[in-house]
């Protein structure tokens, strides 16, 4: 991977996915339903993309790359978004 300069931010995500992601079911209107607890919550379009790619088995670096490409963002920005989303999901599912 090539970065524009040595001072450019580097992706920080280690690609570690939260546990129990397979327990979440996405509806067409952006809600995620936790089959284990019965709770549901709304996911924004970016979070939905991350969740769909992760549930499809795509590794963290591919999820980050896809997010960066679709939203024309630097990899470090996409990695931060993925890390934030995974952190929120970990708290919700714990």
Protein backbone atom coordinates (compact mmCIF):
# COMPACT_ATOMS: atom_id res chain seq x y z
CA UNK A 1 0.00 0.00 0.00
CA UNK A 2 1.35 3.41 -0.91
CA UNK A 3 0.73 6.53 1.15
CA UNK A 4 1.02 10.07 -0.18
CA UNK A 5 3.66 11.12 2.34
CA UNK A 6 5.44 9.78 5.41
CA UNK A 7 3.29 12.05 7.58
CA UNK A 8 0.00 10.79 6.12
CA UNK A 9 -2.22 9.01 8.64
CA UNK A 10 -2.16 5.26 8.35
CA UNK A 11 -5.15 2.99 8.80
CA UNK A 12 -5.37 1.98 12.45
CA UNK A 13 -7.97 -0.75 12.34
CA UNK A 14 -6.69 -4.17 13.27
CA UNK A 15 -9.69 -5.68 11.53
CA UNK A 16 -10.89 -7.39 14.72
CA UNK A 17 -14.61 -7.82 14.29
CA UNK A 18 -16.99 -7.73 17.24
CA UNK A 19 -18.43 -11.01 18.49
CA UNK A 20 -22.00 -12.09 17.68
CA UNK A 21 -22.34 -10.12 14.45
CA UNK A 22 -24.18 -13.09 12.98
CA UNK A 23 -26.88 -12.55 15.62
CA UNK A 24 -27.83 -9.27 13.92
CA UNK A 25 -30.46 -9.24 11.20
CA UNK A 26 -30.78 -6.12 9.02
CA UNK A 27 -34.13 -4.88 7.81
CA UNK A 28 -34.66 -2.95 4.60
CA UNK A 29 -35.26 0.27 6.53
CA UNK A 30 -31.90 0.25 8.34
CA UNK A 31 -32.79 -1.44 11.62
CA UNK A 32 -30.67 -4.19 13.09
CA UNK A 33 -32.41 -6.82 15.20
CA UNK A 34 -30.42 -8.84 17.74
CA UNK A 35 -31.86 -12.35 17.58
CA UNK A 36 -30.30 -13.28 20.91
CA UNK A 37 -31.69 -10.42 23.04
CA UNK A 38 -34.64 -9.22 20.96
CA UNK A 39 -33.36 -5.63 20.99
CA UNK A 40 -33.19 -3.54 17.84
CA UNK A 41 -31.47 -0.33 16.83
CA UNK A 42 -31.06 1.86 13.78
CA UNK A 43 -27.89 1.73 11.69
CA UNK A 44 -26.88 4.55 9.33
CA UNK A 45 -25.98 3.72 5.70
CA UNK A 46 -22.23 3.66 6.40
CA UNK A 47 -22.69 1.32 9.35
CA UNK A 48 -24.99 -0.84 7.28
CA UNK A 49 -22.33 -1.19 4.58
CA UNK A 50 -19.70 -2.14 7.17
CA UNK A 51 -22.03 -4.67 8.78
CA UNK A 52 -23.10 -6.21 5.47
CA UNK A 53 -19.50 -6.58 4.27
CA UNK A 54 -18.37 -8.00 7.61
CA UNK A 55 -21.26 -10.47 7.79
CA UNK A 56 -20.41 -11.54 4.22
CA UNK A 57 -16.99 -12.60 5.49
CA UNK A 58 -14.91 -9.76 4.06
CA UNK A 59 -11.75 -9.19 6.15
CA UNK A 60 -11.22 -5.85 7.91
CA UNK A 61 -8.78 -4.41 5.36
CA UNK A 62 -11.23 -5.15 2.53
CA UNK A 63 -14.09 -3.54 4.47
CA UNK A 64 -11.94 -0.45 5.01
CA UNK A 65 -10.90 -0.35 1.35
CA UNK A 66 -14.48 -0.66 0.13
CA UNK A 67 -15.66 2.06 2.50
CA UNK A 68 -12.83 4.38 1.43
CA UNK A 69 -13.55 3.76 -2.26
CA UNK A 70 -17.32 4.26 -2.02
CA UNK A 71 -17.01 7.50 -0.05
CA UNK A 72 -13.80 8.80 -1.67
CA UNK A 73 -11.97 8.97 1.66
CA UNK A 74 -8.41 8.26 2.74
CA UNK A 75 -7.92 4.76 4.15
CA UNK A 76 -7.18 6.20 7.60
CA UNK A 77 -10.54 7.98 7.67
CA UNK A 78 -12.36 4.80 6.64
CA UNK A 79 -10.40 2.77 9.21
CA UNK A 80 -11.39 5.21 11.95
CA UNK A 81 -15.05 4.91 10.90
CA UNK A 82 -14.85 1.10 10.98
CA UNK A 83 -13.15 1.15 14.40
CA UNK A 84 -15.82 3.49 15.76
CA UNK A 85 -18.63 1.36 14.37
CA UNK A 86 -17.11 -1.87 15.72
CA UNK A 87 -16.69 -0.21 19.13
CA UNK A 88 -20.35 0.81 19.19
CA UNK A 89 -21.46 -2.66 18.15
CA UNK A 90 -19.25 -4.29 20.81
CA UNK A 91 -20.87 -2.12 23.50
CA UNK A 92 -24.34 -2.85 22.20
CA UNK A 93 -23.85 -6.61 21.95
CA UNK A 94 -22.06 -7.05 25.28
